[in-house]
Amino acid sequence: MQKIGEHLAELRKKKQYKQTELAEKLNVSQQVISNIERGVSAPDIELLKKIADIYNISLDQLVGRDFIATEADGIERRIICYIKQMDEKGKELSLGLVSQIVQHRGSNDGNK
């Protein structure tokens, strides 16, 4: 699993925030953000909650925790793992393929 600082840096870059912009939103110094991302210090839970709110994601997502419901069977778990490894283009192509399969299955259900 990726270290928390690395994951937070990745999320910040995806949102196209500079360290100074994020620091301003959190009312901390840019040095605090830099130290966290480099693994020099760890964020406390209150700071993590604020970051999660800014990114509009859960704390689990923020810290990179993979959570797959226990109800998922082996095939569902494998599908989810494959999808998580894909880039956005691969995810879009996969969604299109799954949609076609569902539509094809639906049209064949009436032919039984």
N, C-alpha and C. Protein backbone atom coordinates (compact mmCIF):
# COMPACT_ATOMS: atom_id res chain seq x y z
N MET A 1 0.84 -1.19 0.00
CA MET A 1 0.00 0.00 0.00
C MET A 1 0.89 1.25 0.00
N GLN A 2 0.44 2.22 -0.70
CA GLN A 2 1.16 3.48 -0.83
C GLN A 2 1.18 4.22 0.50
N LYS A 3 2.28 4.91 0.77
CA LYS A 3 2.35 5.70 1.99
C LYS A 3 1.38 6.86 1.90
N ILE A 4 0.87 7.28 3.05
CA ILE A 4 -0.16 8.32 3.11
C ILE A 4 0.29 9.61 2.44
N GLY A 5 1.51 10.03 2.69
CA GLY A 5 1.99 11.28 2.09
C GLY A 5 2.03 11.22 0.57
N GLU A 6 2.49 10.09 0.04
CA GLU A 6 2.53 9.92 -1.41
C GLU A 6 1.13 9.94 -2.00
N HIS A 7 0.22 9.27 -1.30
CA HIS A 7 -1.17 9.23 -1.78
C HIS A 7 -1.80 10.62 -1.75
N LEU A 8 -1.55 11.37 -0.69
CA LEU A 8 -2.11 12.72 -0.59
C LEU A 8 -1.54 13.62 -1.69
N ALA A 9 -0.25 13.47 -1.98
CA ALA A 9 0.37 14.26 -3.05
C ALA A 9 -0.27 13.91 -4.40
N GLU A 10 -0.50 12.64 -4.63
CA GLU A 10 -1.13 12.20 -5.87
C GLU A 10 -2.54 12.78 -6.02
N LEU A 11 -3.31 12.73 -4.95
CA LEU A 11 -4.66 13.30 -4.97
C LEU A 11 -4.62 14.81 -5.24
N ARG A 12 -3.70 15.49 -4.58
CA ARG A 12 -3.59 16.94 -4.77
C ARG A 12 -3.28 17.27 -6.23
N LYS A 13 -2.37 16.52 -6.80
CA LYS A 13 -1.99 16.77 -8.20
C LYS A 13 -3.14 16.46 -9.16
N LYS A 14 -3.90 15.42 -8.87
CA LYS A 14 -5.07 15.09 -9.70
C LYS A 14 -6.09 16.23 -9.70
N LYS A 15 -6.22 16.88 -8.54
CA LYS A 15 -7.14 18.01 -8.41
C LYS A 15 -6.52 19.32 -8.92
N GLN A 16 -5.26 19.22 -9.33
CA GLN A 16 -4.52 20.35 -9.88
C GLN A 16 -4.35 21.50 -8.89
N TYR A 17 -4.16 21.13 -7.63
CA TYR A 17 -3.86 22.12 -6.59
C TYR A 17 -2.35 22.20 -6.41
N LYS A 18 -1.87 23.39 -6.20
CA LYS A 18 -0.49 23.57 -5.76
C LYS A 18 -0.48 23.41 -4.25
N GLN A 19 0.68 23.08 -3.70
CA GLN A 19 0.77 22.93 -2.25
C GLN A 19 0.31 24.20 -1.54
N THR A 20 0.67 25.34 -2.10
CA THR A 20 0.29 26.61 -1.45
C THR A 20 -1.23 26.80 -1.47
N GLU A 21 -1.88 26.39 -2.55
CA GLU A 21 -3.35 26.53 -2.63
C GLU A 21 -4.04 25.65 -1.60
N LEU A 22 -3.57 24.39 -1.51
CA LEU A 22 -4.17 23.48 -0.55
C LEU A 22 -3.92 23.97 0.88
N ALA A 23 -2.71 24.42 1.13
CA ALA A 23 -2.37 24.94 2.46
C ALA A 23 -3.28 26.09 2.85
N GLU A 24 -3.54 26.97 1.91
CA GLU A 24 -4.41 28.12 2.18
C GLU A 24 -5.82 27.66 2.53
N LYS A 25 -6.33 26.68 1.78
CA LYS A 25 -7.68 26.16 2.04
C LYS A 25 -7.76 25.50 3.43
N LEU A 26 -6.65 24.92 3.87
CA LEU A 26 -6.62 24.21 5.14
C LEU A 26 -6.17 25.09 6.30
N ASN A 27 -5.78 26.31 5.97
CA ASN A 27 -5.29 27.25 6.98
C ASN A 27 -4.03 26.73 7.69
N VAL A 28 -3.14 26.16 6.88
CA VAL A 28 -1.83 25.72 7.37
C VAL A 28 -0.77 26.27 6.43
N SER A 29 0.48 26.10 6.78
CA SER A 29 1.55 26.58 5.91
C SER A 29 1.83 25.57 4.79
N GLN A 30 2.43 26.06 3.74
CA GLN A 30 2.83 25.18 2.63
C GLN A 30 3.83 24.15 3.14
N GLN A 31 4.63 24.52 4.11
CA GLN A 31 5.62 23.59 4.67
C GLN A 31 4.95 22.39 5.33
N VAL A 32 3.80 22.60 5.95
CA VAL A 32 3.06 21.48 6.56
C VAL A 32 2.67 20.48 5.48
N ILE A 33 2.14 20.97 4.37
CA ILE A 33 1.74 20.10 3.26
C ILE A 33 2.97 19.37 2.71
N SER A 34 4.04 20.09 2.50
CA SER A 34 5.27 19.49 1.99
C SER A 34 5.79 18.39 2.92
N ASN A 35 5.80 18.66 4.22
CA ASN A 35 6.28 17.67 5.19
C ASN A 35 5.42 16.41 5.19
N ILE A 36 4.13 16.57 5.07
CA ILE A 36 3.22 15.42 5.04
C ILE A 36 3.47 14.60 3.78
N GLU A 37 3.54 15.27 2.64
CA GLU A 37 3.72 14.56 1.37
C GLU A 37 5.07 13.85 1.29
N ARG A 38 6.08 14.39 1.94
CA ARG A 38 7.41 13.76 1.93
C ARG A 38 7.56 12.72 3.03
N GLY A 39 6.55 12.58 3.87
CA GLY A 39 6.60 11.58 4.93
C GLY A 39 7.39 12.02 6.15
N VAL A 40 7.69 13.31 6.24
CA VAL A 40 8.42 13.85 7.39
C VAL A 40 7.50 13.92 8.61
N SER A 41 6.24 14.23 8.36
CA SER A 41 5.25 14.26 9.44
C SER A 41 3.96 13.62 8.93
N ALA A 42 3.11 13.29 9.87
CA ALA A 42 1.82 12.67 9.52
C ALA A 42 0.69 13.62 9.86
N PRO A 43 -0.34 13.65 9.02
CA PRO A 43 -1.47 14.53 9.32
C PRO A 43 -2.31 13.96 10.46
N ASP A 44 -2.88 14.85 11.27
CA ASP A 44 -3.79 14.37 12.31
C ASP A 44 -5.17 14.16 11.69
N ILE A 45 -6.04 13.54 12.44
CA ILE A 45 -7.36 13.17 11.92
C ILE A 45 -8.18 14.40 11.53
N GLU A 46 -8.05 15.49 12.26
CA GLU A 46 -8.82 16.70 11.92
C GLU A 46 -8.38 17.25 10.56
N LEU A 47 -7.08 17.25 10.31
CA LEU A 47 -6.59 17.72 9.02
C LEU A 47 -7.05 16.79 7.90
N LEU A 48 -7.01 15.48 8.16
CA LEU A 48 -7.48 14.51 7.16
C LEU A 48 -8.95 14.73 6.83
N LYS A 49 -9.77 15.01 7.84
CA LYS A 49 -11.19 15.26 7.60
C LYS A 49 -11.38 16.50 6.73
N LYS A 50 -10.59 17.55 6.99
CA LYS A 50 -10.69 18.76 6.18
C LYS A 50 -10.27 18.50 4.73
N ILE A 51 -9.21 17.73 4.56
CA ILE A 51 -8.76 17.40 3.20
C ILE A 51 -9.82 16.58 2.48
N ALA A 52 -10.40 15.61 3.17
CA ALA A 52 -11.45 14.78 2.57
C ALA A 52 -12.63 15.65 2.14
N ASP A 53 -12.98 16.63 2.96
CA ASP A 53 -14.07 17.54 2.62
C ASP A 53 -13.74 18.36 1.38
N ILE A 54 -12.52 18.84 1.28
CA ILE A 54 -12.10 19.63 0.12
C ILE A 54 -12.20 18.79 -1.16
N TYR A 55 -11.77 17.54 -1.08
CA TYR A 55 -11.80 16.66 -2.25
C TYR A 55 -13.14 15.96 -2.44
N ASN A 56 -14.04 16.14 -1.47
CA ASN A 56 -15.36 15.53 -1.52
C ASN A 56 -15.28 14.00 -1.64
N ILE A 57 -14.44 13.41 -0.79
CA ILE A 57 -14.29 11.96 -0.76
C ILE A 57 -14.31 11.49 0.69
N SER A 58 -14.44 10.19 0.88
CA SER A 58 -14.46 9.63 2.24
C SER A 58 -13.04 9.56 2.79
N LEU A 59 -12.94 9.39 4.09
CA LEU A 59 -11.62 9.21 4.71
C LEU A 59 -10.95 7.94 4.19
N ASP A 60 -11.72 6.89 3.97
CA ASP A 60 -11.15 5.66 3.40
C ASP A 60 -10.50 5.94 2.06
N GLN A 61 -11.23 6.65 1.21
CA GLN A 61 -10.68 6.99 -0.10
C GLN A 61 -9.46 7.89 0.03
N LEU A 62 -9.53 8.81 0.96
CA LEU A 62 -8.44 9.76 1.15
C LEU A 62 -7.14 9.06 1.52
N VAL A 63 -7.22 8.09 2.39
CA VAL A 63 -6.00 7.41 2.83
C VAL A 63 -5.65 6.21 1.96
N GLY A 64 -6.40 6.01 0.88
CA GLY A 64 -6.08 4.94 -0.07
C GLY A 64 -6.49 3.56 0.39
N ARG A 65 -7.46 3.51 1.28
CA ARG A 65 -7.92 2.22 1.78
C ARG A 65 -8.84 1.59 0.76
N ASP A 66 -8.49 0.38 0.34
CA ASP A 66 -9.34 -0.38 -0.55
C ASP A 66 -10.34 -1.14 0.29
N PHE A 67 -11.60 -0.93 -0.02
CA PHE A 67 -12.64 -1.61 0.73
C PHE A 67 -13.59 -2.27 -0.24
N ILE A 68 -13.63 -3.57 -0.18
CA ILE A 68 -14.56 -4.34 -1.01
C ILE A 68 -15.50 -5.06 -0.06
N ALA A 69 -16.77 -4.82 -0.23
CA ALA A 69 -17.76 -5.42 0.66
C ALA A 69 -17.59 -6.93 0.70
N THR A 70 -17.81 -7.50 1.86
CA THR A 70 -17.64 -8.94 2.03
C THR A 70 -18.66 -9.74 1.23
N GLU A 71 -19.74 -9.07 0.78
CA GLU A 71 -20.74 -9.77 -0.01
C GLU A 71 -20.26 -10.06 -1.42
N ALA A 72 -19.22 -9.36 -1.87
CA ALA A 72 -18.72 -9.55 -3.23
C ALA A 72 -18.11 -10.94 -3.33
N ASP A 73 -18.48 -11.66 -4.41
CA ASP A 73 -17.89 -12.99 -4.59
C ASP A 73 -16.53 -12.86 -5.26
N GLY A 74 -15.87 -13.96 -5.49
CA GLY A 74 -14.53 -13.97 -6.06
C GLY A 74 -14.43 -13.28 -7.40
N ILE A 75 -15.42 -13.51 -8.26
CA ILE A 75 -15.40 -12.90 -9.59
C ILE A 75 -15.56 -11.39 -9.48
N GLU A 76 -16.48 -10.92 -8.64
CA GLU A 76 -16.67 -9.48 -8.46
C GLU A 76 -15.39 -8.84 -7.92
N ARG A 77 -14.74 -9.50 -6.99
CA ARG A 77 -13.49 -8.97 -6.43
C ARG A 77 -12.42 -8.86 -7.52
N ARG A 78 -12.32 -9.88 -8.37
CA ARG A 78 -11.32 -9.84 -9.45
C ARG A 78 -11.63 -8.73 -10.43
N ILE A 79 -12.91 -8.54 -10.76
CA ILE A 79 -13.30 -7.47 -11.68
C ILE A 79 -12.92 -6.12 -11.09
N ILE A 80 -13.24 -5.91 -9.82
CA ILE A 80 -12.92 -4.64 -9.16
C ILE A 80 -11.41 -4.40 -9.15
N CYS A 81 -10.64 -5.44 -8.87
CA CYS A 81 -9.17 -5.30 -8.86
C CYS A 81 -8.64 -4.91 -10.24
N TYR A 82 -9.18 -5.54 -11.29
CA TYR A 82 -8.75 -5.18 -12.65
C TYR A 82 -9.10 -3.73 -12.97
N ILE A 83 -10.30 -3.34 -12.63
CA ILE A 83 -10.75 -1.98 -12.93
C ILE A 83 -9.87 -0.94 -12.22
N LYS A 84 -9.50 -1.21 -10.98
CA LYS A 84 -8.68 -0.27 -10.22
C LYS A 84 -7.30 -0.07 -10.86
N GLN A 85 -6.86 -1.05 -11.63
CA GLN A 85 -5.55 -0.96 -12.26
C GLN A 85 -5.59 -0.19 -13.59
N MET A 86 -6.78 0.05 -14.11
CA MET A 86 -6.93 0.69 -15.41
C MET A 86 -6.82 2.20 -15.35
N ASP A 87 -6.43 2.78 -16.48
CA ASP A 87 -6.50 4.23 -16.60
C ASP A 87 -7.93 4.60 -17.00
N GLU A 88 -8.21 5.88 -17.11
CA GLU A 88 -9.58 6.33 -17.40
C GLU A 88 -10.08 5.80 -18.75
N LYS A 89 -9.22 5.74 -19.74
CA LYS A 89 -9.63 5.24 -21.06
C LYS A 89 -10.04 3.77 -20.96
N GLY A 90 -9.25 2.98 -20.23
CA GLY A 90 -9.59 1.57 -20.05
C GLY A 90 -10.90 1.39 -19.31
N LYS A 91 -11.14 2.24 -18.32
CA LYS A 91 -12.40 2.17 -17.58
C LYS A 91 -13.58 2.51 -18.48
N GLU A 92 -13.43 3.52 -19.34
CA GLU A 92 -14.50 3.89 -20.26
C GLU A 92 -14.79 2.76 -21.25
N LEU A 93 -13.74 2.16 -21.79
CA LEU A 93 -13.92 1.04 -22.72
C LEU A 93 -14.60 -0.14 -22.03
N SER A 94 -14.20 -0.42 -20.80
CA SER A 94 -14.80 -1.52 -20.05
C SER A 94 -16.28 -1.26 -19.78
N LEU A 95 -16.61 -0.02 -19.43
CA LEU A 95 -18.00 0.32 -19.19
C LEU A 95 -18.84 0.12 -20.45
N GLY A 96 -18.29 0.51 -21.59
CA GLY A 96 -18.99 0.32 -22.86
C GLY A 96 -19.22 -1.15 -23.14
N LEU A 97 -18.21 -1.97 -22.88
CA LEU A 97 -18.33 -3.41 -23.11
C LEU A 97 -19.37 -4.03 -22.18
N VAL A 98 -19.33 -3.67 -20.92
CA VAL A 98 -20.31 -4.20 -19.96
C VAL A 98 -21.72 -3.77 -20.36
N SER A 99 -21.88 -2.53 -20.80
CA SER A 99 -23.20 -2.04 -21.23
C SER A 99 -23.71 -2.85 -22.41
N GLN A 100 -22.83 -3.16 -23.35
CA GLN A 100 -23.24 -3.96 -24.51
C GLN A 100 -23.65 -5.36 -24.10
N ILE A 101 -22.93 -5.94 -23.16
CA ILE A 101 -23.26 -7.29 -22.68
C ILE A 101 -24.62 -7.28 -22.01
N VAL A 102 -24.88 -6.29 -21.18
CA VAL A 102 -26.17 -6.20 -20.49
C VAL A 102 -27.30 -6.01 -21.50
N GLN A 103 -27.11 -5.15 -22.48
CA GLN A 103 -28.13 -4.91 -23.50
C GLN A 103 -28.38 -6.18 -24.31
N HIS A 104 -27.31 -6.87 -24.68
CA HIS A 104 -27.45 -8.10 -25.47
C HIS A 104 -28.19 -9.17 -24.67
N ARG A 105 -27.83 -9.29 -23.42
CA ARG A 105 -28.48 -10.27 -22.54
C ARG A 105 -29.97 -9.95 -22.39
N GLY A 106 -30.27 -8.65 -22.22
CA GLY A 106 -31.66 -8.23 -22.07
C GLY A 106 -32.48 -8.54 -23.31
N SER A 107 -31.90 -8.35 -24.49
CA SER A 107 -32.65 -8.63 -25.72
C SER A 107 -32.80 -10.13 -25.94
N ASN A 108 -31.89 -10.93 -25.41
CA ASN A 108 -32.00 -12.38 -25.55
C ASN A 108 -32.90 -13.01 -24.52
N ASP A 109 -33.18 -12.31 -23.42
CA ASP A 109 -34.04 -12.84 -22.37
C ASP A 109 -35.45 -13.08 -22.89
N GLY A 110 -35.89 -12.28 -23.84
CA GLY A 110 -37.23 -12.43 -24.39
C GLY A 110 -37.34 -13.56 -25.40
N ASN A 111 -36.21 -14.13 -25.82
CA ASN A 111 -36.19 -15.18 -26.83
C ASN A 111 -36.17 -16.58 -26.24
N LYS A 112 -36.29 -16.67 -24.94
CA LYS A 112 -36.20 -18.01 -24.31
C LYS A 112 -37.51 -18.71 -24.35
